[in-house]
Amino acid sequence: MKKYFYLASICFALSFTSCEDFLSVESPDELTTDNYWRNEDDAQAGLAAAYSQLYHGDTYATSEVRWPTEEFRADLFKLGSDAGNYDQWVALYYFNYTNGNTQFSYYYQDLYRGINFANQVLANVPNIPDLDDATRNSILNEAHFLRGYYHMMLLLNWEKIIIRDEYIVESSQLNKPLSDRSACWNFVIDELKYAINLPEKRSDDELGRATSGTAYSYLGFAYLTRAYEEADQKETYLEEALQALDNVKGYSLVSGDELIGMFNGTNKNCSESIFEVQYSKSEANGSVHYSYINQWIGAKELNGYDEILPSDVLMNEYMKEGELNNGRYDERLYNTIYYQCDYFNDGTGRVMGKEYDELFGGNNKPVFRRFTSPTLEEMSDACAINIPLMRYVNVLLMKAEVLNEQNHPELAIPIINDVRRVHGNMPPMTGATQQEVREQIEHERILEFPLESYRWYDLRRWGKTASALQQAGRTGFDESKLFYPIPKWETDANPEVK
């Protein structure tokens, strides 16, 4: 039976560290740092706790924390009919939030909790007796990956962050200042480099755990992002990114129903998946491993909550090449969005077993297909849909971007065309100049990654955030909103944060 490792209920047994101050709580009848770290099982349970923060802690938090914080800023989305009932989400969308906004404060807190759990592993596993070196090193490298990943997600959303590189056991360790952004990137990259020594593949009972491919993918992403931020070293970081991305091996693109299945729970951990959050409907040992992301993202007409919808910008991007695919648009449109068209009204019940007009009353309301259940009946319940965090297509498009920025558009074009052919069922791109390839890469990334939380980071990397939001008719943004402010609870508690 699959373990669905990082959603194991044991992670809660390790929550003997306070969420507020990260100090150990000692009790004679409870596990503590002094009596817990005894053997490999304890080490693996500690690692499970570190993984647990990938899904922000409970069945609702994944959707209610992740997507408002990461996606509501971007130009590809608009608020659904119910989102207006949540003022903290609306504030993110209109950029009129304060440092007391609850959603990005939870996001920040959850990432640091994951870091704290990883630090427990790194502090205590070296002292476990009778643990063979290979096992010990693998566990430590995995904890380094998670610590690097969580710091990287913080760095993508905050301009400066606190580097938490030790397990906090006394109050004197609590207050630390923000670190220089360059130092933060150095730390993230060093952490990810530990993890390139992880296994290339995982067994069926270890699905969801990081691999060397996971580490190389995020290492490439880190170097690519840094290349744009530090222009004086752009060529160096581009070359480092290319080397990392070239080491992502053993993966392949999927298409058609297999691609749709990556986002509806029917094709988990497939050959295109490099890293994804694991869910199941299991309630073994009283733990809960499912979520309500299907209802949060699903439209009300699909038995969902109607919180997030595709924007006109996204719909226009899908359609701008026209009907080149045997009278159809790019196949990624149909895989990602339900909308009023012959394809979803052809009598075959492609919209959860129904016709589009039957469900939407003859009105055209584009809604997300991604992360919704295959049937209406399943939409009425919690789901076990995994969340892909890194797919092989992202590695390919990042590699194409690196090659193009190195003045080799001729090497980038075949990669782009492979993606178009397999995922979009589309003909080769036109255009061959570096600028044309840049524009094509942006087009492909828009079509590929709705709801995968890359658009904001792409826009900021390319220096296009303000112009994109202006074209989308979004107001309230200025350059001060490229990153979130440090949450108020941090600045109140930590006098070192200025």
Protein backbone atom coordinates (compact mmCIF):
# COMPACT_ATOMS: atom_id res chain seq x y z
CA MET A 1 0.00 0.00 0.00
CA LYS A 2 1.32 3.45 -0.86
CA LYS A 3 2.39 5.50 2.14
CA TYR A 4 1.62 8.92 0.72
CA PHE A 5 4.64 9.77 2.78
CA TYR A 6 4.41 13.40 3.66
CA LEU A 7 0.77 13.47 4.59
CA ALA A 8 1.32 10.80 7.23
CA SER A 9 -0.42 11.51 10.51
CA ILE A 10 2.87 11.05 12.34
CA CYS A 11 3.83 14.56 11.37
CA PHE A 12 1.44 15.86 13.99
CA ALA A 13 3.16 13.82 16.69
CA LEU A 14 6.21 15.96 16.08
CA SER A 15 4.43 19.24 16.68
CA PHE A 16 5.97 19.49 20.10
CA THR A 17 7.50 22.77 18.90
CA SER A 18 5.43 25.89 19.46
CA CYS A 19 4.07 27.60 16.35
CA GLU A 20 4.57 30.95 18.01
CA ASP A 21 8.12 30.85 19.32
CA PHE A 22 9.57 27.58 18.00
CA LEU A 23 10.70 26.57 21.51
CA SER A 24 10.69 22.93 22.63
CA VAL A 25 7.98 22.01 25.13
CA GLU A 26 9.08 19.37 27.63
CA SER A 27 6.62 17.08 29.35
CA PRO A 28 7.30 13.75 31.09
CA ASP A 29 4.48 12.00 29.27
CA GLU A 30 5.08 13.43 25.78
CA LEU A 31 7.73 13.06 23.11
CA THR A 32 10.46 15.70 23.29
CA THR A 33 13.70 16.36 21.47
CA ASP A 34 15.50 14.59 24.31
CA ASN A 35 13.68 11.27 24.04
CA TYR A 36 12.39 11.19 20.48
CA TRP A 37 15.29 10.77 18.02
CA ARG A 38 16.10 7.11 18.58
CA ASN A 39 16.13 5.25 15.26
CA GLU A 40 15.37 5.40 11.52
CA ASP A 41 11.61 5.33 12.08
CA ASP A 42 11.87 8.48 14.17
CA ALA A 43 14.04 10.11 11.52
CA GLN A 44 11.57 9.27 8.76
CA ALA A 45 8.69 10.59 10.88
CA GLY A 46 10.61 13.82 11.39
CA LEU A 47 11.06 14.09 7.65
CA ALA A 48 7.32 13.49 7.20
CA ALA A 49 6.65 16.48 9.42
CA ALA A 50 8.86 18.63 7.21
CA TYR A 51 7.03 17.48 4.08
CA SER A 52 3.64 18.15 5.70
CA GLN A 53 3.89 21.91 5.22
CA LEU A 54 3.82 21.52 1.43
CA TYR A 55 0.04 21.41 1.79
CA HIS A 56 -0.24 24.13 4.45
CA GLY A 57 -1.57 21.93 7.19
CA ASP A 58 -5.21 20.96 6.65
CA THR A 59 -7.87 20.04 4.10
CA TYR A 60 -8.90 23.63 3.34
CA ALA A 61 -5.62 25.52 3.78
CA THR A 62 -4.05 24.23 0.58
CA SER A 63 -6.55 26.10 -1.55
CA GLU A 64 -7.42 28.95 0.80
CA VAL A 65 -3.78 29.87 1.48
CA ARG A 66 -1.88 28.77 -1.63
CA TRP A 67 -3.98 30.10 -4.50
CA PRO A 68 -5.06 33.48 -3.12
CA THR A 69 -1.48 34.23 -2.05
CA GLU A 70 0.25 32.99 -5.20
CA GLU A 71 -2.28 33.50 -7.99
CA PHE A 72 -4.69 36.33 -7.19
CA ARG A 73 -2.01 38.89 -8.06
CA ALA A 74 -1.49 37.61 -11.62
CA ASP A 75 -3.17 38.86 -14.79
CA LEU A 76 -4.49 35.42 -15.82
CA PHE A 77 -7.22 35.24 -13.20
CA LYS A 78 -10.25 37.05 -11.88
CA LEU A 79 -12.27 36.64 -8.73
CA GLY A 80 -15.12 34.15 -8.72
CA SER A 81 -18.55 35.04 -7.41
CA ASP A 82 -17.87 33.83 -3.88
CA ALA A 83 -14.36 35.27 -3.46
CA GLY A 84 -15.82 38.70 -2.67
CA ASN A 85 -16.99 37.31 0.65
CA TYR A 86 -13.37 37.12 1.82
CA ASP A 87 -11.89 40.57 2.19
CA GLN A 88 -8.34 39.28 2.71
CA TRP A 89 -8.42 37.55 -0.69
CA VAL A 90 -9.93 40.59 -2.38
CA ALA A 91 -7.18 42.77 -0.93
CA LEU A 92 -4.56 40.57 -2.59
CA TYR A 93 -6.32 40.86 -5.95
CA TYR A 94 -6.58 44.67 -5.80
CA PHE A 95 -3.16 45.19 -4.18
CA ASN A 96 -4.62 47.16 -1.27
CA TYR A 97 -3.47 44.70 1.39
CA THR A 98 -1.55 45.66 4.54
CA ASN A 99 1.16 43.74 6.37
CA GLY A 100 -1.61 42.29 8.53
CA ASN A 101 -3.18 40.32 5.65
CA THR A 102 -4.02 36.91 7.04
CA GLN A 103 -3.49 34.86 3.87
CA PHE A 104 0.11 35.69 3.10
CA SER A 105 0.78 35.71 6.86
CA TYR A 106 -0.40 32.08 7.04
CA TYR A 107 1.66 31.29 3.95
CA TYR A 108 4.78 32.80 5.54
CA GLN A 109 4.13 31.00 8.82
CA ASP A 110 3.59 27.63 7.15
CA LEU A 111 6.84 27.86 5.19
CA TYR A 112 8.81 28.70 8.32
CA ARG A 113 7.12 25.85 10.15
CA GLY A 114 8.33 23.52 7.40
CA ILE A 115 11.82 24.98 7.81
CA ASN A 116 11.63 24.39 11.55
CA PHE A 117 10.72 20.74 11.01
CA ALA A 118 13.57 20.34 8.52
CA ASN A 119 15.94 21.92 11.03
CA GLN A 120 14.88 19.37 13.64
CA VAL A 121 15.88 16.58 11.26
CA LEU A 122 19.21 18.21 10.43
CA ALA A 123 20.01 18.82 14.10
CA ASN A 124 19.05 15.40 15.45
CA VAL A 125 19.53 12.74 12.78
CA PRO A 126 23.35 13.02 12.93
CA ASN A 127 23.13 11.84 16.58
CA ILE A 128 20.91 8.79 16.03
CA PRO A 129 22.94 5.66 16.88
CA ASP A 130 23.06 2.53 14.72
CA LEU A 131 21.97 4.29 11.54
CA ASP A 132 24.00 3.33 8.49
CA ASP A 133 25.78 6.18 6.72
CA ALA A 134 23.90 5.83 3.43
CA THR A 135 20.50 6.08 5.13
CA ARG A 136 21.60 8.93 7.38
CA ASN A 137 23.04 10.94 4.48
CA SER A 138 19.96 10.39 2.33
CA ILE A 139 17.64 11.62 5.11
CA LEU A 140 19.84 14.66 5.72
CA ASN A 141 20.03 15.51 2.01
CA GLU A 142 16.24 15.29 1.78
CA ALA A 143 15.88 17.64 4.74
CA HIS A 144 18.32 20.04 3.09
CA PHE A 145 16.14 20.00 -0.04
CA LEU A 146 13.01 20.86 1.94
CA ARG A 147 14.79 23.60 3.86
CA GLY A 148 16.04 25.03 0.56
CA TYR A 149 12.64 24.70 -1.11
CA TYR A 150 10.80 26.51 1.70
CA HIS A 151 13.37 29.30 1.78
CA MET A 152 13.10 29.61 -2.00
CA MET A 153 9.32 29.97 -1.89
CA LEU A 154 9.76 32.69 0.73
CA LEU A 155 12.35 34.42 -1.43
CA LEU A 156 10.03 34.33 -4.45
CA ASN A 157 7.36 36.16 -2.47
CA TRP A 158 9.36 38.42 -0.13
CA GLU A 159 12.26 40.62 -1.19
CA LYS A 160 14.27 39.81 1.92
CA ILE A 161 13.77 36.98 4.36
CA ILE A 162 15.22 35.57 7.57
CA ILE A 163 17.53 32.63 6.97
CA ARG A 164 16.62 30.02 9.57
CA ASP A 165 19.53 27.59 9.40
CA GLU A 166 19.44 26.10 12.88
CA TYR A 167 16.93 24.39 15.12
CA ILE A 168 15.77 26.89 17.72
CA VAL A 169 16.05 25.61 21.28
CA GLU A 170 16.34 28.85 23.27
CA SER A 171 14.90 32.34 23.08
CA SER A 172 18.22 33.96 22.19
CA GLN A 173 17.99 32.32 18.77
CA LEU A 174 14.59 33.74 17.93
CA ASN A 175 15.34 37.28 16.84
CA LYS A 176 17.27 37.50 13.59
CA PRO A 177 17.44 40.22 10.95
CA LEU A 178 16.50 39.95 7.31
CA SER A 179 19.36 38.79 5.13
CA ASP A 180 20.65 40.35 1.95
CA ARG A 181 18.87 38.84 -1.07
CA SER A 182 22.12 37.63 -2.59
CA ALA A 183 22.99 35.81 0.65
CA CYS A 184 19.54 34.20 0.61
CA TRP A 185 20.09 32.91 -2.93
CA ASN A 186 23.47 31.53 -1.90
CA PHE A 187 21.82 29.68 0.96
CA VAL A 188 19.01 28.26 -1.20
CA ILE A 189 21.43 27.09 -3.87
CA ASP A 190 23.74 25.44 -1.34
CA GLU A 191 20.76 23.60 0.19
CA LEU A 192 19.57 22.33 -3.18
CA LYS A 193 23.05 21.13 -4.05
CA TYR A 194 22.96 18.72 -1.10
CA ALA A 195 19.87 17.17 -2.62
CA ILE A 196 21.34 16.40 -6.05
CA ASN A 197 22.74 13.29 -4.35
CA LEU A 198 19.24 11.94 -3.72
CA PRO A 199 18.03 8.86 -5.68
CA GLU A 200 17.06 9.45 -9.30
CA LYS A 201 13.90 7.36 -8.84
CA ARG A 202 11.65 6.48 -5.92
CA SER A 203 9.92 3.18 -5.22
CA ASP A 204 6.13 2.95 -5.16
CA ASP A 205 6.04 3.28 -1.38
CA GLU A 206 8.08 6.49 -1.52
CA LEU A 207 6.03 8.43 -4.04
CA GLY A 208 6.10 12.16 -3.51
CA ARG A 209 9.57 12.27 -2.01
CA ALA A 210 12.22 14.45 -3.60
CA THR A 211 14.68 12.98 -6.09
CA SER A 212 17.87 14.21 -7.69
CA GLY A 213 15.69 15.38 -10.60
CA THR A 214 13.60 17.43 -8.17
CA ALA A 215 16.71 19.08 -6.77
CA TYR A 216 18.23 19.80 -10.20
CA SER A 217 14.91 21.27 -11.42
CA TYR A 218 14.66 23.76 -8.56
CA LEU A 219 18.38 24.47 -8.77
CA GLY A 220 17.87 25.41 -12.43
CA PHE A 221 14.88 27.58 -11.48
CA ALA A 222 16.90 29.31 -8.76
CA TYR A 223 19.81 30.07 -11.09
CA LEU A 224 17.47 31.26 -13.86
CA THR A 225 15.68 33.64 -11.52
CA ARG A 226 18.94 34.92 -10.09
CA ALA A 227 20.38 35.49 -13.59
CA TYR A 228 17.83 38.25 -14.19
CA GLU A 229 18.21 39.76 -10.72
CA GLU A 230 21.99 40.06 -10.82
CA ALA A 231 22.71 41.33 -14.31
CA ASP A 232 26.45 41.56 -13.82
CA GLN A 233 26.57 37.77 -13.38
CA LYS A 234 23.76 36.87 -15.78
CA GLU A 235 25.90 34.74 -18.10
CA THR A 236 27.41 32.81 -15.21
CA TYR A 237 24.02 32.02 -13.66
CA LEU A 238 22.50 31.13 -17.04
CA GLU A 239 25.26 28.59 -17.57
CA GLU A 240 24.73 27.18 -14.07
CA ALA A 241 20.99 26.94 -14.78
CA LEU A 242 21.62 25.07 -18.03
CA GLN A 243 23.93 22.58 -16.33
CA ALA A 244 21.34 21.90 -13.63
CA LEU A 245 18.46 21.52 -16.09
CA ASP A 246 20.54 19.19 -18.28
CA ASN A 247 20.80 16.86 -15.28
CA VAL A 248 17.03 16.38 -15.00
CA LYS A 249 16.79 12.93 -16.51
CA GLY A 250 14.34 10.07 -16.82
CA TYR A 251 11.19 12.16 -17.41
CA SER A 252 8.97 12.60 -20.47
CA LEU A 253 5.94 14.61 -21.57
CA VAL A 254 2.47 13.09 -21.52
CA SER A 255 -0.51 14.18 -23.60
CA GLY A 256 -4.28 13.96 -23.97
CA ASP A 257 -6.14 12.28 -21.12
CA GLU A 258 -2.84 11.54 -19.36
CA LEU A 259 -2.13 15.27 -19.16
CA ILE A 260 -5.66 16.04 -17.98
CA GLY A 261 -5.21 13.28 -15.42
CA MET A 262 -2.31 15.08 -13.79
CA PHE A 263 -4.86 17.66 -12.61
CA ASN A 264 -7.92 15.53 -11.75
CA GLY A 265 -6.43 12.70 -9.71
CA THR A 266 -6.43 10.00 -12.39
CA ASN A 267 -2.75 10.14 -13.43
CA LYS A 268 -0.67 10.75 -10.34
CA ASN A 269 3.13 10.66 -10.26
CA CYS A 270 3.41 9.98 -13.98
CA SER A 271 6.47 10.28 -16.21
CA GLU A 272 6.05 14.07 -16.51
CA SER A 273 5.77 14.64 -12.77
CA ILE A 274 8.94 15.72 -10.99
CA PHE A 275 7.46 16.86 -7.68
CA GLU A 276 3.84 16.91 -6.55
CA VAL A 277 1.90 17.20 -3.32
CA GLN A 278 0.33 13.84 -2.50
CA TYR A 279 -3.28 13.31 -1.49
CA SER A 280 -5.43 10.23 -0.91
CA LYS A 281 -8.92 9.50 0.40
CA SER A 282 -7.43 7.35 3.16
CA GLU A 283 -8.40 8.06 6.76
CA ALA A 284 -6.10 5.41 8.22
CA ASN A 285 -5.21 5.87 11.89
CA GLY A 286 -7.59 8.81 12.10
CA SER A 287 -5.54 11.00 9.77
CA VAL A 288 -6.98 12.96 6.85
CA HIS A 289 -5.13 13.02 3.54
CA TYR A 290 -7.68 14.65 1.21
CA SER A 291 -8.55 18.24 0.36
CA TYR A 292 -11.29 20.46 -1.05
CA ILE A 293 -9.28 22.04 -3.85
CA ASN A 294 -11.79 20.67 -6.38
CA GLN A 295 -14.61 22.66 -4.80
CA TRP A 296 -12.50 25.77 -4.16
CA ILE A 297 -11.45 26.02 -7.81
CA GLY A 298 -14.61 24.57 -9.35
CA ALA A 299 -17.37 26.92 -10.55
CA LYS A 300 -20.71 26.96 -8.78
CA GLU A 301 -22.29 25.37 -11.86
CA LEU A 302 -19.97 22.41 -11.25
CA ASN A 303 -20.86 22.07 -7.55
CA GLY A 304 -17.87 24.22 -6.58
CA TYR A 305 -17.41 27.35 -4.48
CA ASP A 306 -16.61 29.61 -7.46
CA GLU A 307 -13.53 31.35 -6.05
CA ILE A 308 -11.23 31.78 -9.08
CA LEU A 309 -11.92 32.12 -12.81
CA PRO A 310 -9.87 32.50 -16.00
CA SER A 311 -9.42 36.11 -17.09
CA ASP A 312 -9.99 37.45 -20.58
CA VAL A 313 -6.20 37.71 -20.89
CA LEU A 314 -5.87 33.96 -20.45
CA MET A 315 -8.72 33.10 -22.80
CA ASN A 316 -7.38 35.42 -25.50
CA GLU A 317 -3.90 33.91 -25.21
CA TYR A 318 -5.28 30.42 -25.75
CA MET A 319 -7.17 31.55 -28.84
CA LYS A 320 -4.74 34.00 -30.41
CA GLU A 321 -3.18 31.48 -32.81
CA GLY A 322 -6.59 30.59 -34.16
CA GLU A 323 -8.07 27.23 -35.01
CA LEU A 324 -4.99 25.51 -36.39
CA ASN A 325 -5.55 22.12 -34.85
CA ASN A 326 -8.04 20.41 -37.21
CA GLY A 327 -10.53 23.16 -36.59
CA ARG A 328 -9.68 23.34 -32.89
CA TYR A 329 -7.64 25.69 -30.80
CA ASP A 330 -4.54 24.63 -28.92
CA GLU A 331 -5.42 21.41 -27.08
CA ARG A 332 -4.24 22.90 -23.80
CA LEU A 333 -7.27 25.20 -23.86
CA TYR A 334 -9.69 22.27 -23.72
CA ASN A 335 -7.57 20.49 -21.12
CA THR A 336 -7.52 23.50 -18.82
CA ILE A 337 -10.81 25.40 -19.24
CA TYR A 338 -14.46 24.57 -19.80
CA TYR A 339 -16.18 27.19 -21.99
CA GLN A 340 -19.05 27.45 -24.44
CA CYS A 341 -18.01 25.84 -27.73
CA ASP A 342 -18.85 22.90 -29.98
CA TYR A 343 -16.21 20.74 -28.29
CA PHE A 344 -18.03 20.84 -24.95
CA ASN A 345 -21.47 20.66 -26.56
CA ASP A 346 -21.01 17.74 -28.96
CA GLY A 347 -23.24 15.24 -27.16
CA THR A 348 -20.44 13.24 -25.55
CA GLY A 349 -20.72 14.69 -22.05
CA ARG A 350 -17.23 16.11 -21.86
CA VAL A 351 -18.13 18.41 -18.97
CA MET A 352 -18.28 15.95 -16.09
CA GLY A 353 -20.70 13.75 -18.01
CA LYS A 354 -22.89 16.67 -19.15
CA GLU A 355 -23.07 19.20 -21.98
CA TYR A 356 -21.71 22.66 -21.27
CA ASP A 357 -24.94 24.49 -22.11
CA GLU A 358 -26.91 22.08 -19.95
CA LEU A 359 -24.87 23.09 -16.91
CA PHE A 360 -24.36 26.78 -17.72
CA GLY A 361 -27.83 27.59 -19.04
CA GLY A 362 -26.61 28.59 -22.49
CA ASN A 363 -24.29 31.26 -21.09
CA ASN A 364 -20.60 31.43 -21.85
CA LYS A 365 -18.72 31.48 -18.56
CA PRO A 366 -15.17 30.12 -18.90
CA VAL A 367 -14.25 28.13 -15.78
CA PHE A 368 -11.31 26.00 -14.78
CA ARG A 369 -11.21 22.34 -15.58
CA ARG A 370 -7.87 21.87 -13.82
CA PHE A 371 -8.05 20.58 -10.26
CA THR A 372 -11.72 19.70 -10.58
CA SER A 373 -13.08 16.17 -10.32
CA PRO A 374 -13.97 14.06 -13.38
CA THR A 375 -17.68 13.85 -12.45
CA LEU A 376 -20.29 16.05 -10.80
CA GLU A 377 -20.86 13.42 -8.15
CA GLU A 378 -17.19 13.54 -7.15
CA MET A 379 -17.32 17.34 -7.07
CA SER A 380 -19.75 17.12 -4.16
CA ASP A 381 -17.11 15.56 -1.94
CA ALA A 382 -13.51 16.11 -0.91
CA CYS A 383 -10.91 14.94 -3.41
CA ALA A 384 -7.53 13.22 -3.64
CA ILE A 385 -6.16 15.29 -6.51
CA ASN A 386 -2.40 15.75 -6.30
CA ILE A 387 -0.89 19.19 -6.92
CA PRO A 388 2.01 19.19 -9.40
CA LEU A 389 4.67 21.59 -8.15
CA MET A 390 7.28 20.87 -10.82
CA ARG A 391 6.61 19.22 -14.19
CA TYR A 392 9.10 18.20 -16.86
CA VAL A 393 7.53 20.70 -19.27
CA ASN A 394 8.70 23.47 -16.94
CA VAL A 395 12.25 22.13 -17.11
CA LEU A 396 12.07 22.14 -20.92
CA LEU A 397 10.70 25.67 -21.17
CA MET A 398 13.22 26.98 -18.64
CA LYS A 399 15.97 25.31 -20.68
CA ALA A 400 14.64 26.93 -23.85
CA GLU A 401 14.63 30.30 -22.07
CA VAL A 402 18.24 29.86 -20.94
CA LEU A 403 19.42 28.88 -24.42
CA ASN A 404 17.62 31.81 -25.98
CA GLU A 405 19.10 34.25 -23.46
CA GLN A 406 22.51 32.80 -24.36
CA ASN A 407 21.82 33.95 -27.94
CA HIS A 408 20.96 30.49 -29.23
CA PRO A 409 17.32 30.75 -30.33
CA GLU A 410 18.02 28.00 -32.88
CA LEU A 411 18.59 25.59 -29.96
CA ALA A 412 15.51 26.77 -28.07
CA ILE A 413 13.06 26.42 -30.96
CA PRO A 414 13.14 22.59 -31.24
CA ILE A 415 12.39 22.32 -27.49
CA ILE A 416 9.45 24.71 -27.81
CA ASN A 417 8.12 22.80 -30.80
CA ASP A 418 8.26 19.50 -28.93
CA VAL A 419 6.12 21.01 -26.18
CA ARG A 420 3.67 22.42 -28.73
CA ARG A 421 3.40 19.11 -30.53
CA VAL A 422 2.92 16.86 -27.49
CA HIS A 423 0.83 19.12 -25.25
CA GLY A 424 -0.92 21.40 -27.71
CA ASN A 425 -1.15 19.22 -30.81
CA MET A 426 0.00 22.38 -32.58
CA PRO A 427 2.29 23.03 -35.57
CA PRO A 428 5.84 24.41 -35.14
CA MET A 429 6.22 28.00 -34.06
CA THR A 430 6.92 30.75 -36.56
CA GLY A 431 9.71 33.24 -36.07
CA ALA A 432 13.37 32.70 -35.34
CA THR A 433 14.84 35.84 -33.74
CA GLN A 434 15.74 36.02 -30.08
CA GLN A 435 12.86 38.42 -29.35
CA GLU A 436 10.36 36.26 -31.24
CA VAL A 437 11.48 33.25 -29.24
CA ARG A 438 11.12 35.25 -25.99
CA GLU A 439 7.55 36.07 -26.93
CA GLN A 440 6.86 32.45 -27.86
CA ILE A 441 8.22 31.20 -24.54
CA GLU A 442 5.92 33.60 -22.69
CA HIS A 443 2.98 32.36 -24.77
CA GLU A 444 3.80 28.72 -24.05
CA ARG A 445 4.26 29.37 -20.32
CA ILE A 446 0.89 31.12 -20.12
CA LEU A 447 -0.81 28.15 -21.78
CA GLU A 448 1.05 25.57 -19.72
CA PHE A 449 0.87 26.81 -16.16
CA PRO A 450 -2.53 28.27 -15.15
CA LEU A 451 -3.06 27.52 -11.44
CA GLU A 452 0.54 26.28 -11.10
CA SER A 453 1.67 29.60 -9.60
CA TYR A 454 4.47 30.55 -12.00
CA ARG A 455 2.99 33.57 -13.80
CA TRP A 456 3.86 36.17 -11.14
CA TYR A 457 7.44 34.97 -10.91
CA ASP A 458 7.72 34.93 -14.72
CA LEU A 459 6.46 38.51 -15.03
CA ARG A 460 8.79 39.80 -12.34
CA ARG A 461 11.76 37.93 -13.84
CA TRP A 462 11.11 39.53 -17.25
CA GLY A 463 10.35 43.00 -15.84
CA LYS A 464 6.82 42.92 -17.27
CA THR A 465 4.62 42.92 -14.17
CA ALA A 466 3.36 46.50 -14.40
CA SER A 467 2.68 46.42 -18.15
CA ALA A 468 0.89 43.06 -17.97
CA LEU A 469 -1.41 44.19 -15.17
CA GLN A 470 -2.13 47.47 -16.92
CA GLN A 471 -3.09 45.65 -20.11
CA ALA A 472 -5.35 43.40 -18.06
CA GLY A 473 -7.11 46.45 -16.59
CA ARG A 474 -5.92 45.63 -13.08
CA THR A 475 -5.54 48.62 -10.80
CA GLY A 476 -3.79 49.22 -7.51
CA PHE A 477 -0.40 47.81 -8.46
CA ASP A 478 2.85 49.73 -8.19
CA GLU A 479 6.46 48.57 -8.00
CA SER A 480 6.29 48.41 -4.20
CA LYS A 481 3.92 45.45 -4.60
CA LEU A 482 6.38 43.21 -6.47
CA PHE A 483 6.92 41.46 -3.13
CA TYR A 484 4.77 41.06 -0.05
CA PRO A 485 5.61 43.00 3.13
CA ILE A 486 6.94 41.06 6.10
CA PRO A 487 3.86 40.00 8.11
CA LYS A 488 2.96 42.19 11.05
CA TRP A 489 3.22 39.35 13.54
CA GLU A 490 6.88 38.92 12.57
CA THR A 491 7.75 42.60 12.83
CA ASP A 492 5.91 42.85 16.18
CA ALA A 493 7.69 39.83 17.66
CA ASN A 494 11.15 40.25 16.14
CA PRO A 495 12.81 43.64 16.79
CA GLU A 496 15.69 42.68 14.47
CA VAL A 497 13.39 42.92 11.44
CA LYS A 498 13.39 46.47 10.15
